[in-house]
């Protein structure tokens, strides 16, 4: 019985750790994506053409 309680507590601590890491990443803008990759590849080509001239 003591092992089950220990495992439940350990899993809760790990889950809270992952939740805190996720919230930290969201607050720091890790998931902000102004342009999708398909749009970025089109913009990169235009930028390189402008830089060459």
N, C-alpha and C. Protein backbone atom coordinates (compact mmCIF):
# COMPACT_ATOMS: atom_id res chain seq x y z
N UNK A 1 0.82 -1.19 0.00
CA UNK A 1 0.00 0.00 0.00
C UNK A 1 0.87 1.26 0.00
N UNK A 2 1.97 1.19 0.73
CA UNK A 2 2.86 2.35 0.79
C UNK A 2 3.49 2.63 -0.57
N UNK A 3 3.72 1.58 -1.33
CA UNK A 3 4.32 1.76 -2.66
C UNK A 3 3.36 2.48 -3.59
N UNK A 4 2.09 2.16 -3.53
CA UNK A 4 1.10 2.81 -4.39
C UNK A 4 1.01 4.30 -4.07
N UNK A 5 0.99 4.64 -2.80
CA UNK A 5 0.94 6.04 -2.39
C UNK A 5 2.19 6.77 -2.86
N UNK A 6 3.34 6.14 -2.74
CA UNK A 6 4.59 6.73 -3.20
C UNK A 6 4.57 6.96 -4.70
N UNK A 7 4.09 5.99 -5.46
CA UNK A 7 4.02 6.13 -6.91
C UNK A 7 3.03 7.22 -7.33
N UNK A 8 1.92 7.34 -6.64
CA UNK A 8 0.95 8.39 -6.95
C UNK A 8 1.55 9.76 -6.68
N UNK A 9 2.21 9.92 -5.56
CA UNK A 9 2.84 11.19 -5.23
C UNK A 9 3.95 11.53 -6.21
N UNK A 10 4.73 10.54 -6.59
CA UNK A 10 5.80 10.76 -7.54
C UNK A 10 5.25 11.16 -8.91
N UNK A 11 4.17 10.52 -9.33
CA UNK A 11 3.58 10.87 -10.62
C UNK A 11 2.97 12.27 -10.59
N UNK A 12 2.41 12.68 -9.46
CA UNK A 12 1.88 14.03 -9.35
C UNK A 12 2.98 15.08 -9.40
N UNK A 13 4.11 14.80 -8.77
CA UNK A 13 5.24 15.72 -8.81
C UNK A 13 5.77 15.85 -10.23
N UNK A 14 5.89 14.76 -10.94
CA UNK A 14 6.36 14.80 -12.33
C UNK A 14 5.37 15.54 -13.21
N UNK A 15 4.08 15.29 -13.03
CA UNK A 15 3.06 15.97 -13.83
C UNK A 15 3.08 17.47 -13.56
N UNK A 16 3.24 17.87 -12.32
CA UNK A 16 3.33 19.30 -12.02
C UNK A 16 4.58 19.92 -12.61
N UNK A 17 5.66 19.17 -12.67
CA UNK A 17 6.88 19.65 -13.30
C UNK A 17 6.68 19.90 -14.78
N UNK A 18 6.02 18.97 -15.46
CA UNK A 18 5.74 19.16 -16.89
C UNK A 18 4.77 20.33 -17.11
N UNK A 19 3.79 20.49 -16.23
CA UNK A 19 2.86 21.60 -16.35
C UNK A 19 3.59 22.94 -16.17
N UNK A 20 4.48 23.02 -15.21
CA UNK A 20 5.24 24.25 -14.99
C UNK A 20 6.15 24.54 -16.17
N UNK A 21 6.76 23.53 -16.75
CA UNK A 21 7.62 23.73 -17.92
C UNK A 21 6.80 24.21 -19.11
N UNK A 22 5.62 23.65 -19.29
CA UNK A 22 4.74 24.07 -20.39
C UNK A 22 4.31 25.52 -20.21
N UNK A 23 3.89 25.89 -19.01
CA UNK A 23 3.47 27.26 -18.76
C UNK A 23 4.62 28.24 -18.93
N UNK A 24 5.81 27.86 -18.53
CA UNK A 24 6.99 28.70 -18.72
C UNK A 24 7.25 28.92 -20.21
N UNK A 25 7.12 27.86 -21.00
CA UNK A 25 7.36 27.96 -22.44
C UNK A 25 6.31 28.85 -23.10
N UNK A 26 5.07 28.75 -22.68
CA UNK A 26 4.02 29.58 -23.26
C UNK A 26 4.25 31.05 -22.91
N UNK A 27 4.62 31.32 -21.67
CA UNK A 27 4.84 32.71 -21.26
C UNK A 27 6.05 33.33 -21.94
N UNK A 28 7.04 32.53 -22.29
CA UNK A 28 8.24 33.05 -22.95
C UNK A 28 8.11 33.10 -24.46
N UNK A 29 6.94 32.75 -24.98
CA UNK A 29 6.70 32.87 -26.42
C UNK A 29 7.28 31.75 -27.26
N UNK A 30 7.48 30.58 -26.68
CA UNK A 30 8.03 29.47 -27.44
C UNK A 30 7.06 28.97 -28.50
N UNK A 31 5.77 29.20 -28.30
CA UNK A 31 4.78 28.69 -29.25
C UNK A 31 4.22 29.79 -30.15
N UNK A 32 4.78 30.99 -30.07
CA UNK A 32 4.33 32.06 -30.95
C UNK A 32 4.87 31.83 -32.35
N UNK A 33 3.98 31.85 -33.31
CA UNK A 33 4.38 31.66 -34.70
C UNK A 33 3.59 32.65 -35.54
N UNK A 34 4.23 33.77 -35.88
CA UNK A 34 3.53 34.79 -36.64
C UNK A 34 3.24 34.34 -38.06
N UNK A 35 4.16 33.60 -38.65
CA UNK A 35 4.00 33.09 -40.01
C UNK A 35 4.17 31.59 -40.00
N UNK A 36 3.35 30.92 -40.74
CA UNK A 36 3.51 29.49 -40.86
C UNK A 36 4.73 29.20 -41.72
N UNK A 37 5.28 28.00 -41.65
CA UNK A 37 6.46 27.71 -42.46
C UNK A 37 6.24 27.89 -43.96
N UNK A 38 5.03 27.64 -44.42
CA UNK A 38 4.79 27.81 -45.86
C UNK A 38 4.87 29.28 -46.27
N UNK A 39 4.46 30.17 -45.41
CA UNK A 39 4.55 31.60 -45.72
C UNK A 39 5.99 32.07 -45.57
N UNK A 40 6.70 31.56 -44.55
CA UNK A 40 8.08 31.98 -44.34
C UNK A 40 8.98 31.61 -45.51
N UNK A 41 8.75 30.49 -46.13
CA UNK A 41 9.61 30.10 -47.25
C UNK A 41 9.39 31.04 -48.43
N UNK A 42 8.18 31.54 -48.61
CA UNK A 42 7.93 32.50 -49.68
C UNK A 42 8.58 33.84 -49.37
N UNK A 43 8.53 34.25 -48.12
CA UNK A 43 9.12 35.53 -47.73
C UNK A 43 10.64 35.47 -47.78
N UNK A 44 11.23 34.32 -47.46
CA UNK A 44 12.68 34.19 -47.51
C UNK A 44 13.20 34.41 -48.94
N UNK A 45 12.48 33.91 -49.93
CA UNK A 45 12.91 34.06 -51.30
C UNK A 45 12.88 35.52 -51.71
N UNK A 46 11.83 36.24 -51.33
CA UNK A 46 11.72 37.66 -51.64
C UNK A 46 12.82 38.46 -50.96
N UNK A 47 13.15 38.11 -49.74
CA UNK A 47 14.18 38.83 -49.00
C UNK A 47 15.55 38.61 -49.62
N UNK A 48 15.84 37.40 -50.06
CA UNK A 48 17.15 37.15 -50.65
C UNK A 48 17.29 37.84 -52.00
N UNK A 49 16.21 37.94 -52.75
CA UNK A 49 16.25 38.65 -54.02
C UNK A 49 16.48 40.14 -53.80
N UNK A 50 15.87 40.70 -52.77
CA UNK A 50 16.06 42.12 -52.47
C UNK A 50 17.48 42.38 -51.97
N UNK A 51 18.06 41.44 -51.25
CA UNK A 51 19.40 41.62 -50.72
C UNK A 51 20.46 41.56 -51.82
N UNK A 52 20.21 40.81 -52.89
CA UNK A 52 21.19 40.67 -53.97
C UNK A 52 21.30 41.93 -54.80
N UNK A 53 20.21 42.67 -54.95
CA UNK A 53 20.25 43.86 -55.80
C UNK A 53 20.72 45.10 -55.08
